Amino acid sequence: MGFFRNQQIHFARRLLEGQYDRRGVPRPPDAELDRQAAEVVDEARRIARQRGRNVLGILKEMVLNLKR
């Protein structure tokens, strides 16, 4: 994995942790949280390629719109 992808995954993980905390839902195990963050980053990168937008902006939107 590249440096930017690792940073994006770390950022997505922090956003996911914040969402779990705000909703009062227990966080999943670290491995599951990392998997979820990687999935969010992959989807955000796919959307960014299609729409020509900023990956970090898409990450924020995706995590804030999670309905879990």
C-alpha atoms as a PDB file:
ATOM      1  CA  MET A   1       0.000   0.000   0.000  1.00  0.00           C
ATOM      2  CA  GLY A   2       1.124   3.495  -0.709  1.00  0.00           C
ATOM      3  CA  PHE A   3       1.619   6.312   1.724  1.00  0.00           C
ATOM      4  CA  PHE A   4      -1.515   8.238   0.668  1.00  0.00           C
ATOM      5  CA  ARG A   5      -3.725   5.158   0.797  1.00  0.00           C
ATOM      6  CA  ASN A   6      -2.486   4.385   4.318  1.00  0.00           C
ATOM      7  CA  GLN A   7      -3.229   7.956   5.373  1.00  0.00           C
ATOM      8  CA  GLN A   8      -6.705   7.768   3.849  1.00  0.00           C
ATOM      9  CA  ILE A   9      -7.419   4.499   5.667  1.00  0.00           C
ATOM     10  CA  HIS A  10      -6.213   6.005   8.935  1.00  0.00           C
ATOM     11  CA  PHE A  11      -8.433   9.061   8.370  1.00  0.00           C
ATOM     12  CA  ALA A  12     -11.458   6.891   7.499  1.00  0.00           C
ATOM     13  CA  ARG A  13     -10.880   4.782  10.595  1.00  0.00           C
ATOM     14  CA  ARG A  14     -10.857   7.873  12.805  1.00  0.00           C
ATOM     15  CA  LEU A  15     -14.101   9.056  11.208  1.00  0.00           C
ATOM     16  CA  LEU A  16     -15.689   5.629  11.722  1.00  0.00           C
ATOM     17  CA  GLU A  17     -14.600   5.549  15.355  1.00  0.00           C
ATOM     18  CA  GLY A  18     -16.142   8.970  15.866  1.00  0.00           C
ATOM     19  CA  GLN A  19     -19.407   7.837  14.291  1.00  0.00           C
ATOM     20  CA  TYR A  20     -19.579   4.765  16.534  1.00  0.00           C
ATOM     21  CA  ASP A  21     -18.873   6.917  19.598  1.00  0.00           C
ATOM     22  CA  ARG A  22     -21.452   9.569  18.692  1.00  0.00           C
ATOM     23  CA  ARG A  23     -24.135   6.952  18.144  1.00  0.00           C
ATOM     24  CA  GLY A  24     -23.297   5.117  21.354  1.00  0.00           C
ATOM     25  CA  VAL A  25     -22.685   1.884  19.478  1.00  0.00           C
ATOM     26  CA  PRO A  26     -19.799  -0.312  20.624  1.00  0.00           C
ATOM     27  CA  ARG A  27     -16.873  -0.307  18.228  1.00  0.00           C
ATOM     28  CA  PRO A  28     -16.143  -3.521  16.350  1.00  0.00           C
ATOM     29  CA  PRO A  29     -12.761  -5.239  16.830  1.00  0.00           C
ATOM     30  CA  ASP A  30      -9.731  -3.462  15.357  1.00  0.00           C
ATOM     31  CA  ALA A  31      -9.455  -5.862  12.413  1.00  0.00           C
ATOM     32  CA  GLU A  32     -13.093  -5.249  11.455  1.00  0.00           C
ATOM     33  CA  LEU A  33     -12.699  -1.491  11.821  1.00  0.00           C
ATOM     34  CA  ASP A  34      -9.634  -1.588   9.563  1.00  0.00           C
ATOM     35  CA  ARG A  35     -11.575  -3.646   6.998  1.00  0.00           C
ATOM     36  CA  GLN A  36     -14.474  -1.182   7.053  1.00  0.00           C
ATOM     37  CA  ALA A  37     -12.095   1.765   6.668  1.00  0.00           C
ATOM     38  CA  ALA A  38     -10.368   0.090   3.704  1.00  0.00           C
ATOM     39  CA  GLU A  39     -13.744  -0.551   2.041  1.00  0.00           C
ATOM     40  CA  VAL A  40     -14.771   3.083   2.537  1.00  0.00           C
ATOM     41  CA  VAL A  41     -11.468   4.276   1.036  1.00  0.00           C
ATOM     42  CA  ASP A  42     -11.791   1.933  -1.960  1.00  0.00           C
ATOM     43  CA  GLU A  43     -15.303   3.185  -2.651  1.00  0.00           C
ATOM     44  CA  ALA A  44     -14.269   6.826  -2.203  1.00  0.00           C
ATOM     45  CA  ARG A  45     -11.369   6.363  -4.618  1.00  0.00           C
ATOM     46  CA  ARG A  46     -13.691   4.737  -7.161  1.00  0.00           C
ATOM     47  CA  ILE A  47     -16.134   7.645  -6.880  1.00  0.00           C
ATOM     48  CA  ALA A  48     -13.301  10.185  -7.117  1.00  0.00           C
ATOM     49  CA  ARG A  49     -12.060   8.577 -10.347  1.00  0.00           C
ATOM     50  CA  GLN A  50     -15.548   8.664 -11.862  1.00  0.00           C
ATOM     51  CA  ARG A  51     -16.463  12.172 -10.769  1.00  0.00           C
ATOM     52  CA  GLY A  52     -13.076  13.855 -10.556  1.00  0.00           C
ATOM     53  CA  ARG A  53     -13.557  14.894  -6.936  1.00  0.00           C
ATOM     54  CA  ASN A  54     -11.397  14.992  -3.832  1.00  0.00           C
ATOM     55  CA  VAL A  55     -11.055  11.629  -2.041  1.00  0.00           C
ATOM     56  CA  LEU A  56     -10.997  13.126   1.474  1.00  0.00           C
ATOM     57  CA  GLY A  57     -14.201  15.073   0.841  1.00  0.00           C
ATOM     58  CA  ILE A  58     -15.889  11.919  -0.394  1.00  0.00           C
ATOM     59  CA  LEU A  59     -14.618   9.975   2.638  1.00  0.00           C
ATOM     60  CA  LYS A  60     -16.153  12.515   4.997  1.00  0.00           C
ATOM     61  CA  GLU A  61     -19.496  12.386   3.176  1.00  0.00           C
ATOM     62  CA  MET A  62     -19.566   8.591   3.111  1.00  0.00           C
ATOM     63  CA  VAL A  63     -18.772   8.126   6.790  1.00  0.00           C
ATOM     64  CA  LEU A  64     -21.201  10.811   7.919  1.00  0.00           C
ATOM     65  CA  ASN A  65     -23.953   9.198   5.858  1.00  0.00           C
ATOM     66  CA  LEU A  66     -23.491   5.677   7.243  1.00  0.00           C
ATOM     67  CA  LYS A  67     -26.791   4.239   8.418  1.00  0.00           C
ATOM     68  CA  ARG A  68     -25.471   1.428  10.640  1.00  0.00           C
END
